[in-house]
């Protein structure tokens, strides 16, 4: 039971860290969905001792990919002036 609590705490800390890192660039609900989906994808497939590191890596990769996609989707209106 202690090991499970430790994993849960670690995942919570990683979530707080990633919210801080990406919070200014992505909406909180998007970050939450990525965190929840990543946790679901990894649970039961990764050794509990490695779960924290893999969770952080997967979440960060997915969040960076979302940001990169947003940057590529830029609407440009020909002849428009930027203020």
PDB file of N, CA and C in Angstrom:
ATOM      1  N   UNK A   1       0.815  -1.189   0.000  1.00  0.00           N
ATOM      2  CA  UNK A   1       0.000   0.000   0.000  1.00  0.00           C
ATOM      3  C   UNK A   1       0.865   1.263   0.000  1.00  0.00           C
ATOM      4  N   UNK A   2       1.957   1.219   0.702  1.00  0.00           N
ATOM      5  CA  UNK A   2       2.848   2.368   0.749  1.00  0.00           C
ATOM      6  C   UNK A   2       3.431   2.659  -0.630  1.00  0.00           C
ATOM      7  N   UNK A   3       3.808   1.594  -1.355  1.00  0.00           N
ATOM      8  CA  UNK A   3       4.371   1.788  -2.695  1.00  0.00           C
ATOM      9  C   UNK A   3       3.352   2.456  -3.613  1.00  0.00           C
ATOM     10  N   UNK A   4       2.085   2.050  -3.527  1.00  0.00           N
ATOM     11  CA  UNK A   4       1.042   2.645  -4.361  1.00  0.00           C
ATOM     12  C   UNK A   4       0.869   4.122  -4.022  1.00  0.00           C
ATOM     13  N   UNK A   5       0.887   4.445  -2.755  1.00  0.00           N
ATOM     14  CA  UNK A   5       0.750   5.849  -2.342  1.00  0.00           C
ATOM     15  C   UNK A   5       1.921   6.668  -2.880  1.00  0.00           C
ATOM     16  N   UNK A   6       3.105   6.115  -2.838  1.00  0.00           N
ATOM     17  CA  UNK A   6       4.280   6.808  -3.340  1.00  0.00           C
ATOM     18  C   UNK A   6       4.143   7.090  -4.837  1.00  0.00           C
ATOM     19  N   UNK A   7       3.668   6.126  -5.597  1.00  0.00           N
ATOM     20  CA  UNK A   7       3.482   6.298  -7.037  1.00  0.00           C
ATOM     21  C   UNK A   7       2.430   7.376  -7.297  1.00  0.00           C
ATOM     22  N   UNK A   8       1.337   7.329  -6.548  1.00  0.00           N
ATOM     23  CA  UNK A   8       0.281   8.327  -6.700  1.00  0.00           C
ATOM     24  C   UNK A   8       0.801   9.719  -6.378  1.00  0.00           C
ATOM     25  N   UNK A   9       1.574   9.827  -5.312  1.00  0.00           N
ATOM     26  CA  UNK A   9       2.163  11.123  -4.948  1.00  0.00           C
ATOM     27  C   UNK A   9       3.102  11.623  -6.037  1.00  0.00           C
ATOM     28  N   UNK A  10       3.916  10.721  -6.564  1.00  0.00           N
ATOM     29  CA  UNK A  10       4.874  11.107  -7.604  1.00  0.00           C
ATOM     30  C   UNK A  10       4.150  11.595  -8.857  1.00  0.00           C
ATOM     31  N   UNK A  11       3.099  10.888  -9.240  1.00  0.00           N
ATOM     32  CA  UNK A  11       2.318  11.292 -10.409  1.00  0.00           C
ATOM     33  C   UNK A  11       1.666  12.654 -10.164  1.00  0.00           C
ATOM     34  N   UNK A  12       1.181  12.871  -8.952  1.00  0.00           N
ATOM     35  CA  UNK A  12       0.600  14.168  -8.606  1.00  0.00           C
ATOM     36  C   UNK A  12       1.612  15.296  -8.699  1.00  0.00           C
ATOM     37  N   UNK A  13       2.818  15.052  -8.204  1.00  0.00           N
ATOM     38  CA  UNK A  13       3.878  16.061  -8.266  1.00  0.00           C
ATOM     39  C   UNK A  13       4.271  16.365  -9.713  1.00  0.00           C
ATOM     40  N   UNK A  14       4.336  15.328 -10.521  1.00  0.00           N
ATOM     41  CA  UNK A  14       4.668  15.520 -11.938  1.00  0.00           C
ATOM     42  C   UNK A  14       3.571  16.337 -12.621  1.00  0.00           C
ATOM     43  N   UNK A  15       2.322  16.049 -12.281  1.00  0.00           N
ATOM     44  CA  UNK A  15       1.210  16.815 -12.842  1.00  0.00           C
ATOM     45  C   UNK A  15       1.300  18.291 -12.497  1.00  0.00           C
ATOM     46  N   UNK A  16       1.634  18.589 -11.242  1.00  0.00           N
ATOM     47  CA  UNK A  16       1.791  19.988 -10.818  1.00  0.00           C
ATOM     48  C   UNK A  16       2.935  20.643 -11.589  1.00  0.00           C
ATOM     49  N   UNK A  17       4.029  19.922 -11.726  1.00  0.00           N
ATOM     50  CA  UNK A  17       5.195  20.443 -12.447  1.00  0.00           C
ATOM     51  C   UNK A  17       4.842  20.762 -13.905  1.00  0.00           C
ATOM     52  N   UNK A  18       4.155  19.834 -14.563  1.00  0.00           N
ATOM     53  CA  UNK A  18       3.798  20.033 -15.971  1.00  0.00           C
ATOM     54  C   UNK A  18       2.749  21.135 -16.139  1.00  0.00           C
ATOM     55  N   UNK A  19       1.838  21.266 -15.187  1.00  0.00           N
ATOM     56  CA  UNK A  19       0.871  22.369 -15.224  1.00  0.00           C
ATOM     57  C   UNK A  19       1.607  23.702 -15.160  1.00  0.00           C
ATOM     58  N   UNK A  20       2.631  23.763 -14.328  1.00  0.00           N
ATOM     59  CA  UNK A  20       3.423  24.983 -14.231  1.00  0.00           C
ATOM     60  C   UNK A  20       4.197  25.272 -15.502  1.00  0.00           C
ATOM     61  N   UNK A  21       4.736  24.219 -16.102  1.00  0.00           N
ATOM     62  CA  UNK A  21       5.548  24.391 -17.311  1.00  0.00           C
ATOM     63  C   UNK A  21       4.713  24.778 -18.531  1.00  0.00           C
ATOM     64  N   UNK A  22       3.545  24.157 -18.674  1.00  0.00           N
ATOM     65  CA  UNK A  22       2.743  24.357 -19.886  1.00  0.00           C
ATOM     66  C   UNK A  22       1.500  25.217 -19.656  1.00  0.00           C
ATOM     67  N   UNK A  23       1.236  25.590 -18.410  1.00  0.00           N
ATOM     68  CA  UNK A  23       0.010  26.310 -18.068  1.00  0.00           C
ATOM     69  C   UNK A  23      -0.186  27.627 -18.794  1.00  0.00           C
ATOM     70  N   UNK A  24       0.872  28.330 -19.088  1.00  0.00           N
ATOM     71  CA  UNK A  24       0.745  29.599 -19.789  1.00  0.00           C
ATOM     72  C   UNK A  24       0.537  29.455 -21.283  1.00  0.00           C
ATOM     73  N   UNK A  25       0.748  28.249 -21.789  1.00  0.00           N
ATOM     74  CA  UNK A  25       0.668  28.054 -23.237  1.00  0.00           C
ATOM     75  C   UNK A  25      -0.474  27.155 -23.678  1.00  0.00           C
ATOM     76  N   UNK A  26      -0.995  26.355 -22.751  1.00  0.00           N
ATOM     77  CA  UNK A  26      -2.110  25.460 -23.068  1.00  0.00           C
ATOM     78  C   UNK A  26      -3.180  25.585 -21.986  1.00  0.00           C
ATOM     79  N   UNK A  27      -4.459  25.421 -22.349  1.00  0.00           N
ATOM     80  CA  UNK A  27      -5.520  25.459 -21.342  1.00  0.00           C
ATOM     81  C   UNK A  27      -5.370  24.310 -20.337  1.00  0.00           C
ATOM     82  N   UNK A  28      -5.773  24.557 -19.104  1.00  0.00           N
ATOM     83  CA  UNK A  28      -5.650  23.559 -18.037  1.00  0.00           C
ATOM     84  C   UNK A  28      -6.401  22.270 -18.371  1.00  0.00           C
ATOM     85  N   UNK A  29      -7.557  22.380 -19.035  1.00  0.00           N
ATOM     86  CA  UNK A  29      -8.314  21.166 -19.351  1.00  0.00           C
ATOM     87  C   UNK A  29      -7.586  20.282 -20.364  1.00  0.00           C
ATOM     88  N   UNK A  30      -6.833  20.879 -21.270  1.00  0.00           N
ATOM     89  CA  UNK A  30      -6.046  20.101 -22.239  1.00  0.00           C
ATOM     90  C   UNK A  30      -4.919  19.375 -21.507  1.00  0.00           C
ATOM     91  N   UNK A  31      -4.248  20.071 -20.618  1.00  0.00           N
ATOM     92  CA  UNK A  31      -3.160  19.457 -19.850  1.00  0.00           C
ATOM     93  C   UNK A  31      -3.704  18.321 -19.001  1.00  0.00           C
ATOM     94  N   UNK A  32      -4.841  18.535 -18.355  1.00  0.00           N
ATOM     95  CA  UNK A  32      -5.459  17.488 -17.529  1.00  0.00           C
ATOM     96  C   UNK A  32      -5.805  16.253 -18.347  1.00  0.00           C
ATOM     97  N   UNK A  33      -6.357  16.479 -19.535  1.00  0.00           N
ATOM     98  CA  UNK A  33      -6.702  15.329 -20.387  1.00  0.00           C
ATOM     99  C   UNK A  33      -5.465  14.540 -20.776  1.00  0.00           C
ATOM    100  N   UNK A  34      -4.375  15.238 -21.087  1.00  0.00           N
ATOM    101  CA  UNK A  34      -3.123  14.557 -21.442  1.00  0.00           C
ATOM    102  C   UNK A  34      -2.596  13.770 -20.247  1.00  0.00           C
ATOM    103  N   UNK A  35      -2.629  14.368 -19.062  1.00  0.00           N
ATOM    104  CA  UNK A  35      -2.152  13.681 -17.859  1.00  0.00           C
ATOM    105  C   UNK A  35      -2.973  12.422 -17.592  1.00  0.00           C
ATOM    106  N   UNK A  36      -4.297  12.548 -17.659  1.00  0.00           N
ATOM    107  CA  UNK A  36      -5.163  11.394 -17.391  1.00  0.00           C
ATOM    108  C   UNK A  36      -4.992  10.296 -18.435  1.00  0.00           C
ATOM    109  N   UNK A  37      -4.918  10.674 -19.696  1.00  0.00           N
ATOM    110  CA  UNK A  37      -4.753   9.680 -20.761  1.00  0.00           C
ATOM    111  C   UNK A  37      -3.403   8.978 -20.645  1.00  0.00           C
ATOM    112  N   UNK A  38      -2.367   9.727 -20.319  1.00  0.00           N
ATOM    113  CA  UNK A  38      -1.029   9.134 -20.189  1.00  0.00           C
ATOM    114  C   UNK A  38      -0.978   8.161 -19.024  1.00  0.00           C
ATOM    115  N   UNK A  39      -1.600   8.542 -17.920  1.00  0.00           N
ATOM    116  CA  UNK A  39      -1.639   7.649 -16.750  1.00  0.00           C
ATOM    117  C   UNK A  39      -2.368   6.354 -17.105  1.00  0.00           C
ATOM    118  N   UNK A  40      -3.512   6.486 -17.777  1.00  0.00           N
ATOM    119  CA  UNK A  40      -4.269   5.298 -18.195  1.00  0.00           C
ATOM    120  C   UNK A  40      -3.452   4.417 -19.127  1.00  0.00           C
ATOM    121  N   UNK A  41      -2.740   5.032 -20.058  1.00  0.00           N
ATOM    122  CA  UNK A  41      -1.956   4.276 -21.035  1.00  0.00           C
ATOM    123  C   UNK A  41      -0.812   3.499 -20.389  1.00  0.00           C
ATOM    124  N   UNK A  42      -0.258   4.031 -19.305  1.00  0.00           N
ATOM    125  CA  UNK A  42       0.921   3.406 -18.692  1.00  0.00           C
ATOM    126  C   UNK A  42       0.601   2.445 -17.549  1.00  0.00           C
ATOM    127  N   UNK A  43      -0.489   2.655 -16.854  1.00  0.00           N
ATOM    128  CA  UNK A  43      -0.803   1.821 -15.692  1.00  0.00           C
ATOM    129  C   UNK A  43      -0.911   0.353 -16.082  1.00  0.00           C
ATOM    130  N   UNK A  44      -0.230  -0.478 -15.335  1.00  0.00           N
ATOM    131  CA  UNK A  44      -0.255  -1.910 -15.576  1.00  0.00           C
ATOM    132  C   UNK A  44       0.686  -2.379 -16.667  1.00  0.00           C
ATOM    133  N   UNK A  45       1.305  -1.468 -17.381  1.00  0.00           N
ATOM    134  CA  UNK A  45       2.215  -1.835 -18.468  1.00  0.00           C
ATOM    135  C   UNK A  45       3.666  -1.551 -18.130  1.00  0.00           C
ATOM    136  N   UNK A  46       3.888  -0.678 -17.151  1.00  0.00           N
ATOM    137  CA  UNK A  46       5.228  -0.243 -16.786  1.00  0.00           C
ATOM    138  C   UNK A  46       5.497  -0.656 -15.348  1.00  0.00           C
ATOM    139  N   UNK A  47       6.712  -1.073 -15.070  1.00  0.00           N
ATOM    140  CA  UNK A  47       7.130  -1.393 -13.711  1.00  0.00           C
ATOM    141  C   UNK A  47       6.856  -0.179 -12.827  1.00  0.00           C
ATOM    142  N   UNK A  48       6.193  -0.367 -11.677  1.00  0.00           N
ATOM    143  CA  UNK A  48       5.870   0.767 -10.807  1.00  0.00           C
ATOM    144  C   UNK A  48       7.062   1.652 -10.462  1.00  0.00           C
ATOM    145  N   UNK A  49       8.240   1.072 -10.382  1.00  0.00           N
ATOM    146  CA  UNK A  49       9.428   1.870 -10.066  1.00  0.00           C
ATOM    147  C   UNK A  49       9.788   2.820 -11.206  1.00  0.00           C
ATOM    148  N   UNK A  50       9.407   2.492 -12.408  1.00  0.00           N
ATOM    149  CA  UNK A  50       9.728   3.308 -13.585  1.00  0.00           C
ATOM    150  C   UNK A  50       8.560   4.186 -14.022  1.00  0.00           C
ATOM    151  N   UNK A  51       7.412   4.003 -13.399  1.00  0.00           N
ATOM    152  CA  UNK A  51       6.199   4.690 -13.850  1.00  0.00           C
ATOM    153  C   UNK A  51       6.337   6.210 -13.821  1.00  0.00           C
ATOM    154  N   UNK A  52       6.908   6.759 -12.769  1.00  0.00           N
ATOM    155  CA  UNK A  52       7.036   8.214 -12.664  1.00  0.00           C
ATOM    156  C   UNK A  52       7.821   8.819 -13.810  1.00  0.00           C
ATOM    157  N   UNK A  53       8.965   8.239 -14.098  1.00  0.00           N
ATOM    158  CA  UNK A  53       9.811   8.764 -15.177  1.00  0.00           C
ATOM    159  C   UNK A  53       9.133   8.620 -16.537  1.00  0.00           C
ATOM    160  N   UNK A  54       8.534   7.461 -16.776  1.00  0.00           N
ATOM    161  CA  UNK A  54       7.852   7.244 -18.057  1.00  0.00           C
ATOM    162  C   UNK A  54       6.640   8.163 -18.196  1.00  0.00           C
ATOM    163  N   UNK A  55       5.917   8.362 -17.090  1.00  0.00           N
ATOM    164  CA  UNK A  55       4.753   9.247 -17.089  1.00  0.00           C
ATOM    165  C   UNK A  55       5.171  10.673 -17.456  1.00  0.00           C
ATOM    166  N   UNK A  56       6.224  11.152 -16.828  1.00  0.00           N
ATOM    167  CA  UNK A  56       6.718  12.506 -17.115  1.00  0.00           C
ATOM    168  C   UNK A  56       7.135  12.632 -18.579  1.00  0.00           C
ATOM    169  N   UNK A  57       7.886  11.657 -19.060  1.00  0.00           N
ATOM    170  CA  UNK A  57       8.380  11.693 -20.438  1.00  0.00           C
ATOM    171  C   UNK A  57       7.231  11.671 -21.441  1.00  0.00           C
ATOM    172  N   UNK A  58       6.264  10.778 -21.229  1.00  0.00           N
ATOM    173  CA  UNK A  58       5.131  10.661 -22.154  1.00  0.00           C
ATOM    174  C   UNK A  58       4.274  11.922 -22.145  1.00  0.00           C
ATOM    175  N   UNK A  59       3.953  12.429 -20.958  1.00  0.00           N
ATOM    176  CA  UNK A  59       3.133  13.642 -20.867  1.00  0.00           C
ATOM    177  C   UNK A  59       3.824  14.820 -21.535  1.00  0.00           C
ATOM    178  N   UNK A  60       5.083  14.991 -21.238  1.00  0.00           N
ATOM    179  CA  UNK A  60       5.840  16.127 -21.785  1.00  0.00           C
ATOM    180  C   UNK A  60       5.902  16.044 -23.321  1.00  0.00           C
ATOM    181  N   UNK A  61       6.139  14.841 -23.836  1.00  0.00           N
ATOM    182  CA  UNK A  61       6.172  14.646 -25.288  1.00  0.00           C
ATOM    183  C   UNK A  61       4.826  15.014 -25.909  1.00  0.00           C
ATOM    184  N   UNK A  62       3.745  14.523 -25.316  1.00  0.00           N
ATOM    185  CA  UNK A  62       2.418  14.793 -25.864  1.00  0.00           C
ATOM    186  C   UNK A  62       2.072  16.280 -25.802  1.00  0.00           C
ATOM    187  N   UNK A  63       2.410  16.932 -24.705  1.00  0.00           N
ATOM    188  CA  UNK A  63       2.127  18.362 -24.574  1.00  0.00           C
ATOM    189  C   UNK A  63       2.949  19.185 -25.566  1.00  0.00           C
ATOM    190  N   UNK A  64       4.205  18.814 -25.758  1.00  0.00           N
ATOM    191  CA  UNK A  64       5.043  19.513 -26.736  1.00  0.00           C
ATOM    192  C   UNK A  64       4.513  19.319 -28.149  1.00  0.00           C
ATOM    193  N   UNK A  65       4.005  18.133 -28.430  1.00  0.00           N
ATOM    194  CA  UNK A  65       3.447  17.856 -29.754  1.00  0.00           C
ATOM    195  C   UNK A  65       2.192  18.695 -30.002  1.00  0.00           C
ATOM    196  N   UNK A  66       1.370  18.859 -28.984  1.00  0.00           N
ATOM    197  CA  UNK A  66       0.176  19.706 -29.108  1.00  0.00           C
ATOM    198  C   UNK A  66       0.588  21.149 -29.379  1.00  0.00           C
ATOM    199  N   UNK A  67       1.581  21.631 -28.656  1.00  0.00           N
ATOM    200  CA  UNK A  67       2.072  22.997 -28.878  1.00  0.00           C
ATOM    201  C   UNK A  67       2.615  23.172 -30.291  1.00  0.00           C
ATOM    202  N   UNK A  68       3.375  22.198 -30.761  1.00  0.00           N
ATOM    203  CA  UNK A  68       3.947  22.271 -32.110  1.00  0.00           C
ATOM    204  C   UNK A  68       2.840  22.297 -33.161  1.00  0.00           C
ATOM    205  N   UNK A  69       1.797  21.511 -32.957  1.00  0.00           N
ATOM    206  CA  UNK A  69       0.680  21.493 -33.903  1.00  0.00           C
ATOM    207  C   UNK A  69      -0.027  22.843 -33.904  1.00  0.00           C
ATOM    208  N   UNK A  70      -0.194  23.449 -32.735  1.00  0.00           N
ATOM    209  CA  UNK A  70      -0.826  24.766 -32.654  1.00  0.00           C
ATOM    210  C   UNK A  70      -0.014  25.818 -33.395  1.00  0.00           C
ATOM    211  N   UNK A  71       1.294  25.727 -33.323  1.00  0.00           N
ATOM    212  CA  UNK A  71       2.153  26.695 -33.999  1.00  0.00           C
ATOM    213  C   UNK A  71       2.071  26.555 -35.517  1.00  0.00           C
ATOM    214  N   UNK A  72       1.854  25.327 -35.992  1.00  0.00           N
ATOM    215  CA  UNK A  72       1.749  25.103 -37.441  1.00  0.00           C
ATOM    216  C   UNK A  72       0.407  25.587 -37.984  1.00  0.00           C
ATOM    217  N   UNK A  73      -0.604  25.602 -37.128  1.00  0.00           N
ATOM    218  CA  UNK A  73      -1.939  26.024 -37.557  1.00  0.00           C
ATOM    219  C   UNK A  73      -2.071  27.521 -37.282  1.00  0.00           C
ATOM    220  N   UNK A  74      -1.537  28.294 -38.160  1.00  0.00           N
ATOM    221  CA  UNK A  74      -1.585  29.743 -38.034  1.00  0.00           C
ATOM    222  C   UNK A  74      -2.348  30.285 -39.230  1.00  0.00           C
ATOM    223  N   UNK A  75      -3.381  31.021 -38.958  1.00  0.00           N
ATOM    224  CA  UNK A  75      -4.192  31.588 -40.031  1.00  0.00           C
ATOM    225  C   UNK A  75      -3.570  32.914 -40.446  1.00  0.00           C
ATOM    226  N   UNK A  76      -3.274  33.025 -41.702  1.00  0.00           N
ATOM    227  CA  UNK A  76      -2.716  34.265 -42.244  1.00  0.00           C
ATOM    228  C   UNK A  76      -3.703  34.802 -43.284  1.00  0.00           C
ATOM    229  N   UNK A  77      -4.031  36.048 -43.130  1.00  0.00           N
ATOM    230  CA  UNK A  77      -4.945  36.691 -44.068  1.00  0.00           C
ATOM    231  C   UNK A  77      -4.106  37.573 -44.985  1.00  0.00           C
ATOM    232  N   UNK A  78      -4.091  37.273 -46.280  1.00  0.00           N
ATOM    233  CA  UNK A  78      -3.289  38.070 -47.214  1.00  0.00           C
ATOM    234  C   UNK A  78      -3.698  39.542 -47.170  1.00  0.00           C
ATOM    235  N   UNK A  79      -2.713  40.404 -47.138  1.00  0.00           N
ATOM    236  CA  UNK A  79      -2.966  41.835 -47.155  1.00  0.00           C
ATOM    237  C   UNK A  79      -3.360  42.422 -45.813  1.00  0.00           C
ATOM    238  N   UNK A  80      -3.448  41.607 -44.782  1.00  0.00           N
ATOM    239  CA  UNK A  80      -3.827  42.113 -43.460  1.00  0.00           C
ATOM    240  C   UNK A  80      -2.597  42.668 -42.754  1.00  0.00           C
ATOM    241  N   UNK A  81      -2.809  43.720 -42.006  1.00  0.00           N
ATOM    242  CA  UNK A  81      -1.712  44.302 -41.236  1.00  0.00           C
ATOM    243  C   UNK A  81      -1.749  43.753 -39.825  1.00  0.00           C
ATOM    244  N   UNK A  82      -0.593  43.517 -39.292  1.00  0.00           N
ATOM    245  CA  UNK A  82      -0.500  43.095 -37.903  1.00  0.00           C
ATOM    246  C   UNK A  82      -0.373  44.332 -37.040  1.00  0.00           C
ATOM    247  N   UNK A  83      -1.128  44.365 -35.983  1.00  0.00           N
ATOM    248  CA  UNK A  83      -1.066  45.515 -35.074  1.00  0.00           C
ATOM    249  C   UNK A  83      -0.124  45.245 -33.944  1.00  0.00           C
TER     250      UNK A  83
END
